Amino acid sequence: MPKRILTGVVTRDKATKTRRVEVPRLVRHATYSKILHRRTVCYAHDEENVSHNGDTVEIEESPPRSKLKRWVLKRVVTKAKQTGPEIAEVEVASAQPTKE
């Protein structure tokens, strides 16, 4: 049986070599038949620490690596747009003229 591959968004990258990935899914309500948005949270092993918050990644099923980790990062599909305070400081510093 082939291993499952899911696509989701990295929501936490603070731990070394571990990423929290949220995989969105749609579910029909049993009584009202309304479509509901739900998410599945998976912890994935990222050996090289290549993914960061907001990245869309593919994860693959694997044997358990720890209490929560049952997935391995396969590849980064798209990188998140970098909007951290470091980039904002660089843009502001370069926009201001220097007085001599």
C-alpha atoms as a PDB file:
ATOM      1  CA  MET A   1       0.000   0.000   0.000  1.00  0.00           C
ATOM      2  CA  PRO A   2       1.486   3.392  -0.947  1.00  0.00           C
ATOM      3  CA  LYS A   3       2.239   6.005   1.667  1.00  0.00           C
ATOM      4  CA  ARG A   4      -0.216   8.897   1.981  1.00  0.00           C
ATOM      5  CA  ILE A   5       0.930  12.333   0.833  1.00  0.00           C
ATOM      6  CA  LEU A   6      -0.846  15.446   2.144  1.00  0.00           C
ATOM      7  CA  THR A   7      -0.436  19.133   1.329  1.00  0.00           C
ATOM      8  CA  GLY A   8      -0.711  21.713   4.086  1.00  0.00           C
ATOM      9  CA  VAL A   9       0.614  24.950   5.562  1.00  0.00           C
ATOM     10  CA  VAL A  10       3.355  25.162   8.196  1.00  0.00           C
ATOM     11  CA  THR A  11       1.950  26.940  11.266  1.00  0.00           C
ATOM     12  CA  ARG A  12       4.792  26.468  13.744  1.00  0.00           C
ATOM     13  CA  ASP A  13       8.531  26.150  13.161  1.00  0.00           C
ATOM     14  CA  LYS A  14      10.009  26.932  16.586  1.00  0.00           C
ATOM     15  CA  ALA A  15      11.210  23.408  17.376  1.00  0.00           C
ATOM     16  CA  THR A  16      14.341  22.141  15.647  1.00  0.00           C
ATOM     17  CA  LYS A  17      13.612  19.578  12.913  1.00  0.00           C
ATOM     18  CA  THR A  18       9.875  19.567  13.719  1.00  0.00           C
ATOM     19  CA  ARG A  19       7.115  21.403  11.880  1.00  0.00           C
ATOM     20  CA  ARG A  20       3.420  21.709  12.724  1.00  0.00           C
ATOM     21  CA  VAL A  21       1.442  21.406   9.499  1.00  0.00           C
ATOM     22  CA  GLU A  22      -2.269  22.131   9.166  1.00  0.00           C
ATOM     23  CA  VAL A  23      -4.068  20.266   6.387  1.00  0.00           C
ATOM     24  CA  PRO A  24      -7.461  21.786   5.460  1.00  0.00           C
ATOM     25  CA  ARG A  25     -10.419  19.565   4.619  1.00  0.00           C
ATOM     26  CA  LEU A  26     -14.141  19.941   3.894  1.00  0.00           C
ATOM     27  CA  VAL A  27     -16.792  18.006   5.835  1.00  0.00           C
ATOM     28  CA  ARG A  28     -20.542  17.850   5.290  1.00  0.00           C
ATOM     29  CA  HIS A  29     -22.608  18.347   8.450  1.00  0.00           C
ATOM     30  CA  ALA A  30     -24.627  15.210   9.191  1.00  0.00           C
ATOM     31  CA  THR A  31     -27.944  16.955   9.934  1.00  0.00           C
ATOM     32  CA  TYR A  32     -27.854  20.246   8.029  1.00  0.00           C
ATOM     33  CA  SER A  33     -25.740  19.173   5.025  1.00  0.00           C
ATOM     34  CA  LYS A  34     -23.759  22.396   5.238  1.00  0.00           C
ATOM     35  CA  ILE A  35     -20.128  22.227   4.128  1.00  0.00           C
ATOM     36  CA  LEU A  36     -17.785  22.927   7.051  1.00  0.00           C
ATOM     37  CA  HIS A  37     -14.094  23.841   6.951  1.00  0.00           C
ATOM     38  CA  ARG A  38     -12.013  21.670   9.249  1.00  0.00           C
ATOM     39  CA  ARG A  39      -8.285  21.125   9.661  1.00  0.00           C
ATOM     40  CA  THR A  40      -6.050  18.251  10.589  1.00  0.00           C
ATOM     41  CA  VAL A  41      -2.875  19.011  12.544  1.00  0.00           C
ATOM     42  CA  CYS A  42       0.173  16.883  11.732  1.00  0.00           C
ATOM     43  CA  TYR A  43       3.678  17.077  13.139  1.00  0.00           C
ATOM     44  CA  ALA A  44       6.311  16.464  10.477  1.00  0.00           C
ATOM     45  CA  HIS A  45      10.046  15.791  10.626  1.00  0.00           C
ATOM     46  CA  ASP A  46      12.115  18.371   8.701  1.00  0.00           C
ATOM     47  CA  GLU A  47      15.729  17.182   8.794  1.00  0.00           C
ATOM     48  CA  GLU A  48      17.349  20.255   7.148  1.00  0.00           C
ATOM     49  CA  ASN A  49      14.976  22.900   8.620  1.00  0.00           C
ATOM     50  CA  VAL A  50      14.083  24.137   5.133  1.00  0.00           C
ATOM     51  CA  SER A  51      10.446  25.078   5.830  1.00  0.00           C
ATOM     52  CA  HIS A  52       9.182  28.042   7.834  1.00  0.00           C
ATOM     53  CA  ASN A  53       5.862  29.568   8.941  1.00  0.00           C
ATOM     54  CA  GLY A  54       3.418  30.079   6.085  1.00  0.00           C
ATOM     55  CA  ASP A  55       5.135  27.713   3.636  1.00  0.00           C
ATOM     56  CA  THR A  56       2.968  25.246   1.739  1.00  0.00           C
ATOM     57  CA  VAL A  57       4.529  21.801   2.030  1.00  0.00           C
ATOM     58  CA  GLU A  58       3.962  18.175   1.087  1.00  0.00           C
ATOM     59  CA  ILE A  59       4.280  15.653   3.894  1.00  0.00           C
ATOM     60  CA  GLU A  60       4.523  11.884   3.613  1.00  0.00           C
ATOM     61  CA  GLU A  61       3.397   9.231   6.045  1.00  0.00           C
ATOM     62  CA  SER A  62       6.211   7.492   7.961  1.00  0.00           C
ATOM     63  CA  PRO A  63       6.771   5.194  10.923  1.00  0.00           C
ATOM     64  CA  PRO A  64       6.559   7.003  14.273  1.00  0.00           C
ATOM     65  CA  ARG A  65       9.621   9.149  15.048  1.00  0.00           C
ATOM     66  CA  SER A  66       8.377  10.434  18.414  1.00  0.00           C
ATOM     67  CA  LYS A  67       5.187  10.710  20.458  1.00  0.00           C
ATOM     68  CA  LEU A  68       3.527  13.050  17.926  1.00  0.00           C
ATOM     69  CA  LYS A  69       5.602  12.871  14.726  1.00  0.00           C
ATOM     70  CA  ARG A  70       4.233  10.438  12.148  1.00  0.00           C
ATOM     71  CA  TRP A  71       5.020  12.437   9.005  1.00  0.00           C
ATOM     72  CA  VAL A  72       8.146  13.456   7.080  1.00  0.00           C
ATOM     73  CA  LEU A  73       8.549  16.625   5.032  1.00  0.00           C
ATOM     74  CA  LYS A  74       8.742  15.629   1.386  1.00  0.00           C
ATOM     75  CA  ARG A  75       9.132  19.035  -0.307  1.00  0.00           C
ATOM     76  CA  VAL A  76       8.306  22.715  -0.018  1.00  0.00           C
ATOM     77  CA  VAL A  77       5.674  23.554  -2.631  1.00  0.00           C
ATOM     78  CA  THR A  78       5.672  27.359  -2.170  1.00  0.00           C
ATOM     79  CA  LYS A  79       7.611  29.633   0.140  1.00  0.00           C
ATOM     80  CA  ALA A  80       5.776  32.191   2.278  1.00  0.00           C
ATOM     81  CA  LYS A  81       6.146  35.874   1.585  1.00  0.00           C
ATOM     82  CA  GLN A  82       8.751  37.253   4.017  1.00  0.00           C
ATOM     83  CA  THR A  83       7.225  40.095   6.068  1.00  0.00           C
ATOM     84  CA  GLY A  84       9.291  39.992   9.231  1.00  0.00           C
ATOM     85  CA  PRO A  85      10.503  43.050  11.188  1.00  0.00           C
ATOM     86  CA  GLU A  86      14.021  42.611   9.776  1.00  0.00           C
ATOM     87  CA  ILE A  87      12.840  43.292   6.214  1.00  0.00           C
ATOM     88  CA  ALA A  88      10.715  46.285   7.285  1.00  0.00           C
ATOM     89  CA  GLU A  89      13.722  47.856   9.041  1.00  0.00           C
ATOM     90  CA  VAL A  90      15.893  47.442   5.949  1.00  0.00           C
ATOM     91  CA  GLU A  91      13.248  49.051   3.709  1.00  0.00           C
ATOM     92  CA  VAL A  92      12.783  52.023   6.064  1.00  0.00           C
ATOM     93  CA  ALA A  93      16.541  52.531   6.438  1.00  0.00           C
ATOM     94  CA  SER A  94      17.127  52.522   2.696  1.00  0.00           C
ATOM     95  CA  ALA A  95      14.217  54.930   2.026  1.00  0.00           C
ATOM     96  CA  GLN A  96      15.499  57.687   4.348  1.00  0.00           C
ATOM     97  CA  PRO A  97      18.092  60.024   2.824  1.00  0.00           C
ATOM     98  CA  THR A  98      21.281  60.499   4.786  1.00  0.00           C
ATOM     99  CA  LYS A  99      22.265  63.991   5.904  1.00  0.00           C
ATOM    100  CA  GLU A 100      25.927  64.905   5.468  1.00  0.00           C
END
